Amino acid sequence: MSGCELSLVLPVFGDQKNLNRILAELLANEQEDSWELIVVDDGSIPSLELQENTPKNWLLLRHDIQKGVAAARNLGVRKARGGYVVLLSVFLRIPEDYITQLKIFIRDNTFDFAQHLLVQAPEISANHFQEFLSDQKGRIKNSENNIPIKQSQFAAAIIKKETFCKVKGFDESMQHYGGHEMDLIYRLDLAGFKKRILIEGFPVQRVQLGSHSSIRKRLQEYGHTGLPNLLKKHPALEKIILVRPWTWMLLSSLGLTRLAEKRLSRLIERDKHLAVITYRLYLHLIMRNAWDAR
């Protein structure tokens, strides 16, 4: 496969149903040697399987035990033969012209890191909070021609394999939600790989949405464990993530930050339609209050 241009890396844990769906979607794309698919089974029991009609450019790798998405992605990239690596997630829908669109995008753009906008699949039922989370239009945008570090994500992203390897990939010790992604983006930035752009024109649909309780749990874990580990490694990130520390300290000491979090949580449980800025404040409150409680 000397002419391989693109390596799609898909980590999966225990989700054969969604894996089958996304494999069928990729089969609808043109099958030729310019791209490959690498599925990494991160310790699923029972083991995941590819379809019987698997193309020759598809590969299934497996961890014997679950090691986390950072390790799964690293394994996939190490085995990749393409010059560009496309990091995907199993909850996404892949359009039938996806490979063609990617090639056009790469040909027409210069970047160190590119990420898709994620949008909600039209057939998926969602409450107002889920709609806010799933549809990134208007929430993630270029700032001075670069996506800000805090908005840079790897659920659906492209990076050169050479670039990824130069910074030694994801830090596998950062297994908690969000930490390994923020760590890698920041190290890319420090190494001079600063050109982060959105993939315009063909957003990728989410076909699976997180619940309010699952999002709360993940953000609480991030604030309590993932963020302290991240800031221990990169203290300079504190001023980017923990904004307005003195104002926060005052409000927190008065019990107002927890009060605000509880009030917004109740409104979301009742499916009240809130402003985008209010939802963003709520997510920040969850993380910061968990940080305070660590």
Protein backbone atom coordinates (compact mmCIF):
# COMPACT_ATOMS: atom_id res chain seq x y z
CA MET A 1 0.00 0.00 0.00
CA SER A 2 2.77 2.40 -0.95
CA GLY A 3 0.24 4.91 -2.32
CA CYS A 4 -1.74 5.20 0.91
CA GLU A 5 -2.65 8.82 1.64
CA LEU A 6 -5.20 8.53 4.46
CA SER A 7 -5.36 6.29 7.53
CA LEU A 8 -8.69 6.31 9.35
CA VAL A 9 -8.20 5.32 13.01
CA LEU A 10 -11.30 4.19 14.90
CA PRO A 11 -11.02 3.18 18.59
CA VAL A 12 -13.98 1.13 19.84
CA PHE A 13 -14.88 -0.42 23.18
CA GLY A 14 -17.75 -2.89 23.45
CA ASP A 15 -19.95 -1.40 20.71
CA GLN A 16 -20.30 -3.98 17.93
CA LYS A 17 -23.63 -2.50 16.82
CA ASN A 18 -22.26 0.96 16.05
CA LEU A 19 -19.09 -0.56 14.65
CA ASN A 20 -21.17 -2.60 12.17
CA ARG A 21 -23.04 0.54 11.14
CA ILE A 22 -19.94 2.65 10.56
CA LEU A 23 -18.23 -0.18 8.66
CA ALA A 24 -21.24 -0.37 6.33
CA GLU A 25 -21.04 3.38 5.80
CA LEU A 26 -17.35 3.18 4.96
CA LEU A 27 -18.03 0.33 2.53
CA ALA A 28 -20.24 2.75 0.59
CA ASN A 29 -17.16 4.89 -0.07
CA GLU A 30 -14.89 4.18 -3.01
CA GLN A 31 -12.65 1.22 -2.19
CA GLU A 32 -9.11 1.80 -3.44
CA ASP A 33 -5.55 1.76 -2.10
CA SER A 34 -5.25 5.47 -1.32
CA TRP A 35 -6.81 4.97 2.13
CA GLU A 36 -7.01 2.43 4.92
CA LEU A 37 -9.13 1.81 8.01
CA ILE A 38 -7.61 0.76 11.33
CA VAL A 39 -10.10 -0.33 13.99
CA VAL A 40 -8.67 -0.65 17.50
CA ASP A 41 -10.65 -2.89 19.85
CA ASP A 42 -9.76 -1.51 23.28
CA GLY A 43 -10.22 -4.72 25.29
CA SER A 44 -13.88 -5.47 24.49
CA ILE A 45 -15.44 -8.65 25.91
CA PRO A 46 -16.39 -10.38 23.70
CA SER A 47 -13.87 -9.24 21.12
CA LEU A 48 -15.13 -7.05 18.30
CA GLU A 49 -15.22 -8.34 14.73
CA LEU A 50 -15.03 -6.89 11.24
CA GLN A 51 -17.43 -7.97 8.54
CA GLU A 52 -16.77 -11.00 6.34
CA ASN A 53 -16.39 -8.83 3.23
CA THR A 54 -13.66 -6.70 4.82
CA PRO A 55 -11.60 -4.90 2.18
CA LYS A 56 -7.87 -5.63 2.06
CA ASN A 57 -7.06 -2.12 3.32
CA TRP A 58 -8.95 -2.63 6.63
CA LEU A 59 -7.18 -3.80 9.78
CA LEU A 60 -8.44 -4.83 13.24
CA LEU A 61 -6.06 -4.40 16.18
CA ARG A 62 -6.82 -5.35 19.78
CA HIS A 63 -5.76 -4.58 23.32
CA ASP A 64 -6.17 -7.62 25.58
CA ILE A 65 -7.40 -5.31 28.35
CA GLN A 66 -8.97 -1.88 28.18
CA LYS A 67 -6.24 0.77 28.15
CA GLY A 68 -8.29 3.84 27.28
CA VAL A 69 -8.86 5.87 24.15
CA ALA A 70 -5.45 7.59 24.26
CA ALA A 71 -3.63 4.24 24.08
CA ALA A 72 -6.04 2.93 21.44
CA ARG A 73 -5.49 5.97 19.24
CA ASN A 74 -1.71 5.75 19.67
CA LEU A 75 -1.71 2.09 18.62
CA GLY A 76 -3.76 2.88 15.54
CA VAL A 77 -1.50 5.75 14.49
CA ARG A 78 1.66 3.68 15.01
CA LYS A 79 0.30 1.11 12.53
CA ALA A 80 -0.95 3.75 10.07
CA ARG A 81 0.64 3.88 6.64
CA GLY A 82 -1.03 7.05 5.39
CA GLY A 83 0.60 10.46 5.43
CA TYR A 84 -2.51 11.89 7.08
CA VAL A 85 -4.32 10.29 10.02
CA VAL A 86 -8.06 10.77 10.43
CA LEU A 87 -9.15 10.17 14.03
CA LEU A 88 -12.79 9.14 14.22
CA SER A 89 -15.34 8.08 16.85
CA VAL A 90 -17.85 5.26 16.65
CA PHE A 91 -20.85 7.52 17.36
CA LEU A 92 -20.39 9.34 14.03
CA ARG A 93 -22.10 8.78 10.68
CA ILE A 94 -19.79 8.54 7.67
CA PRO A 95 -21.19 9.91 4.38
CA GLU A 96 -20.69 7.90 1.20
CA ASP A 97 -18.44 10.57 -0.34
CA TYR A 98 -16.38 11.04 2.83
CA ILE A 99 -13.02 9.88 1.43
CA THR A 100 -13.41 12.03 -1.68
CA GLN A 101 -14.30 15.07 0.42
CA LEU A 102 -11.31 14.52 2.70
CA LYS A 103 -8.91 14.35 -0.22
CA ILE A 104 -10.27 17.59 -1.66
CA PHE A 105 -10.00 19.30 1.72
CA ILE A 106 -6.40 18.19 2.25
CA ARG A 107 -5.45 19.23 -1.28
CA ASP A 108 -6.98 22.70 -0.90
CA ASN A 109 -5.88 23.59 2.66
CA THR A 110 -2.72 24.03 4.70
CA PHE A 111 -3.00 23.07 8.35
CA ASP A 112 -1.34 21.34 11.28
CA PHE A 113 -4.65 20.12 12.74
CA ALA A 114 -8.14 20.14 11.27
CA GLN A 115 -11.41 19.17 12.91
CA HIS A 116 -14.94 18.53 11.73
CA LEU A 117 -17.94 20.36 13.04
CA LEU A 118 -20.27 17.83 14.65
CA VAL A 119 -24.02 18.15 14.15
CA GLN A 120 -26.98 16.16 15.41
CA ALA A 121 -28.34 13.52 13.03
CA PRO A 122 -31.86 14.68 12.01
CA GLU A 123 -33.58 11.46 13.06
CA ILE A 124 -32.19 11.52 16.61
CA SER A 125 -34.55 12.65 19.36
CA ALA A 126 -32.92 15.10 21.77
CA ASN A 127 -33.81 17.46 24.57
CA HIS A 128 -32.62 21.08 24.56
CA PHE A 129 -29.42 20.31 26.48
CA GLN A 130 -28.50 17.47 24.12
CA GLU A 131 -29.19 19.70 21.12
CA PHE A 132 -26.74 22.26 22.51
CA LEU A 133 -24.07 19.61 23.07
CA SER A 134 -24.47 17.81 19.76
CA ASP A 135 -24.65 20.75 17.38
CA GLN A 136 -21.36 22.66 17.31
CA LYS A 137 -22.38 25.25 14.72
CA GLY A 138 -21.79 28.68 16.21
CA ARG A 139 -20.00 27.24 19.26
CA ILE A 140 -16.73 26.20 17.63
CA LYS A 141 -15.19 28.66 15.22
CA ASN A 142 -11.89 29.95 14.00
CA SER A 143 -10.42 32.74 16.13
CA GLU A 144 -7.78 34.76 14.27
CA ASN A 145 -7.70 31.91 11.71
CA ASN A 146 -7.11 29.23 14.36
CA ILE A 147 -9.44 27.15 16.51
CA PRO A 148 -8.74 28.08 20.17
CA ILE A 149 -6.98 25.43 22.25
CA LYS A 150 -10.04 24.90 24.47
CA GLN A 151 -12.24 24.17 21.44
CA SER A 152 -9.82 21.81 19.69
CA GLN A 153 -11.12 18.23 19.87
CA PHE A 154 -10.26 14.82 18.41
CA ALA A 155 -13.68 13.19 18.00
CA ALA A 156 -13.32 13.77 14.25
CA ALA A 157 -9.99 15.31 13.27
CA ILE A 158 -7.09 15.15 10.79
CA ILE A 159 -3.39 15.43 11.53
CA LYS A 160 -0.24 14.45 9.66
CA LYS A 161 1.23 11.24 11.01
CA GLU A 162 4.67 12.87 10.99
CA THR A 163 3.39 15.73 13.15
CA PHE A 164 1.63 13.36 15.56
CA CYS A 165 4.80 11.29 15.96
CA LYS A 166 7.05 14.33 16.43
CA VAL A 167 5.21 15.22 19.64
CA LYS A 168 4.97 11.51 20.63
CA GLY A 169 1.21 11.24 20.37
CA PHE A 170 -1.24 11.15 23.25
CA ASP A 171 -0.07 10.95 26.84
CA GLU A 172 -1.51 7.58 27.90
CA SER A 173 -1.23 8.44 31.60
CA MET A 174 -4.03 11.01 31.11
CA GLN A 175 -6.99 8.66 30.89
CA HIS A 176 -9.62 10.96 32.35
CA TYR A 177 -12.12 12.78 30.18
CA GLY A 178 -10.63 15.52 27.99
CA GLY A 179 -7.17 15.59 29.54
CA HIS A 180 -5.24 13.68 26.88
CA GLU A 181 -6.76 15.78 24.08
CA MET A 182 -6.00 19.14 25.69
CA ASP A 183 -2.50 17.93 26.52
CA LEU A 184 -1.75 16.98 22.91
CA ILE A 185 -3.17 20.17 21.43
CA TYR A 186 -1.10 22.24 23.85
CA ARG A 187 2.09 20.29 23.07
CA LEU A 188 1.41 20.72 19.35
CA ASP A 189 1.08 24.46 19.97
CA LEU A 190 4.34 24.60 21.95
CA ALA A 191 6.13 22.67 19.20
CA GLY A 192 5.07 25.26 16.61
CA PHE A 193 2.15 23.32 15.07
CA LYS A 194 -0.34 26.13 15.59
CA LYS A 195 -2.48 26.12 12.44
CA ARG A 196 -5.80 24.63 13.61
CA ILE A 197 -8.73 24.94 11.22
CA LEU A 198 -12.31 23.74 10.82
CA ILE A 199 -13.22 21.37 8.03
CA GLU A 200 -15.78 23.52 6.27
CA GLY A 201 -18.53 22.32 3.99
CA PHE A 202 -19.24 18.80 5.24
CA PRO A 203 -20.01 18.51 8.96
CA VAL A 204 -20.21 15.01 10.43
CA GLN A 205 -23.38 13.81 12.10
CA ARG A 206 -23.64 12.38 15.60
CA VAL A 207 -26.00 9.41 15.81
CA GLN A 208 -25.59 8.89 19.57
CA LEU A 209 -25.99 11.55 22.26
CA GLY A 210 -24.88 11.64 25.87
CA SER A 211 -27.43 12.10 28.65
CA HIS A 212 -27.37 14.97 31.13
CA SER A 213 -26.24 12.64 33.92
CA SER A 214 -23.42 11.11 31.85
CA ILE A 215 -22.11 14.54 30.82
CA ARG A 216 -22.20 15.71 34.44
CA LYS A 217 -20.27 12.64 35.54
CA ARG A 218 -17.60 13.09 32.88
CA LEU A 219 -17.11 16.79 33.65
CA GLN A 220 -16.96 16.12 37.38
CA GLU A 221 -14.29 13.48 36.74
CA TYR A 222 -12.39 15.97 34.59
CA GLY A 223 -12.53 18.71 37.23
CA HIS A 224 -11.66 16.36 40.09
CA THR A 225 -8.93 14.24 38.48
CA GLY A 226 -8.18 14.98 34.81
CA LEU A 227 -7.71 18.73 35.13
CA PRO A 228 -5.37 18.59 38.18
CA ASN A 229 -3.18 16.10 36.29
CA LEU A 230 -3.20 18.30 33.21
CA LEU A 231 -2.28 21.48 35.13
CA LYS A 232 0.44 19.66 37.05
CA LYS A 233 2.05 18.87 33.70
CA HIS A 234 1.26 22.25 32.09
CA PRO A 235 0.85 24.97 34.75
CA ALA A 236 0.59 27.67 32.08
CA LEU A 237 -2.78 26.25 31.00
CA GLU A 238 -4.37 27.34 34.28
CA LYS A 239 -4.94 30.90 33.06
CA ILE A 240 -6.67 29.53 29.94
CA ILE A 241 -8.93 27.04 31.73
CA LEU A 242 -9.51 28.53 35.19
CA VAL A 243 -10.45 32.03 34.11
CA ARG A 244 -11.07 34.93 36.56
CA PRO A 245 -9.71 33.13 39.62
CA TRP A 246 -10.34 35.95 42.11
CA THR A 247 -13.94 36.45 41.05
CA TRP A 248 -14.50 32.71 41.19
CA MET A 249 -12.90 32.46 44.63
CA LEU A 250 -15.22 35.14 46.01
CA LEU A 251 -18.38 33.64 44.53
CA SER A 252 -17.36 30.14 45.57
CA SER A 253 -16.66 31.22 49.16
CA LEU A 254 -20.21 32.57 49.33
CA GLY A 255 -21.61 29.28 48.04
CA LEU A 256 -22.98 30.96 44.92
CA THR A 257 -21.21 28.77 42.34
CA ARG A 258 -22.71 25.56 43.72
CA LEU A 259 -26.09 27.22 44.08
CA ALA A 260 -25.96 28.32 40.43
CA GLU A 261 -24.93 24.83 39.30
CA LYS A 262 -27.83 23.20 41.19
CA ARG A 263 -30.34 25.73 39.85
CA LEU A 264 -29.24 25.22 36.25
CA SER A 265 -29.20 21.45 36.72
CA ARG A 266 -32.84 21.53 37.81
CA LEU A 267 -33.80 23.65 34.79
CA ILE A 268 -32.04 21.23 32.44
CA GLU A 269 -33.75 18.25 34.08
CA ARG A 270 -37.06 20.00 33.36
CA ASP A 271 -35.90 20.51 29.74
CA LYS A 272 -36.04 24.29 29.86
CA HIS A 273 -34.61 25.97 26.77
CA LEU A 274 -31.63 28.05 27.91
CA ALA A 275 -29.32 30.40 26.04
CA VAL A 276 -26.08 29.00 24.62
CA ILE A 277 -24.04 31.14 27.00
CA THR A 278 -26.03 29.72 29.93
CA TYR A 279 -25.34 26.12 28.90
CA ARG A 280 -21.65 26.95 28.55
CA LEU A 281 -21.66 28.54 32.01
CA TYR A 282 -23.30 25.41 33.42
CA LEU A 283 -20.59 23.13 32.02
CA HIS A 284 -17.93 25.42 33.44
CA LEU A 285 -19.63 25.43 36.84
CA ILE A 286 -19.65 21.62 36.97
CA MET A 287 -15.95 21.44 36.18
CA ARG A 288 -14.86 24.27 38.50
CA ASN A 289 -16.94 23.08 41.45
CA ALA A 290 -15.45 19.60 41.05
CA TRP A 291 -12.00 21.22 40.94
CA ASP A 292 -12.74 23.01 44.24
CA ALA A 293 -13.92 19.73 45.84
CA ARG A 294 -10.88 17.66 44.91
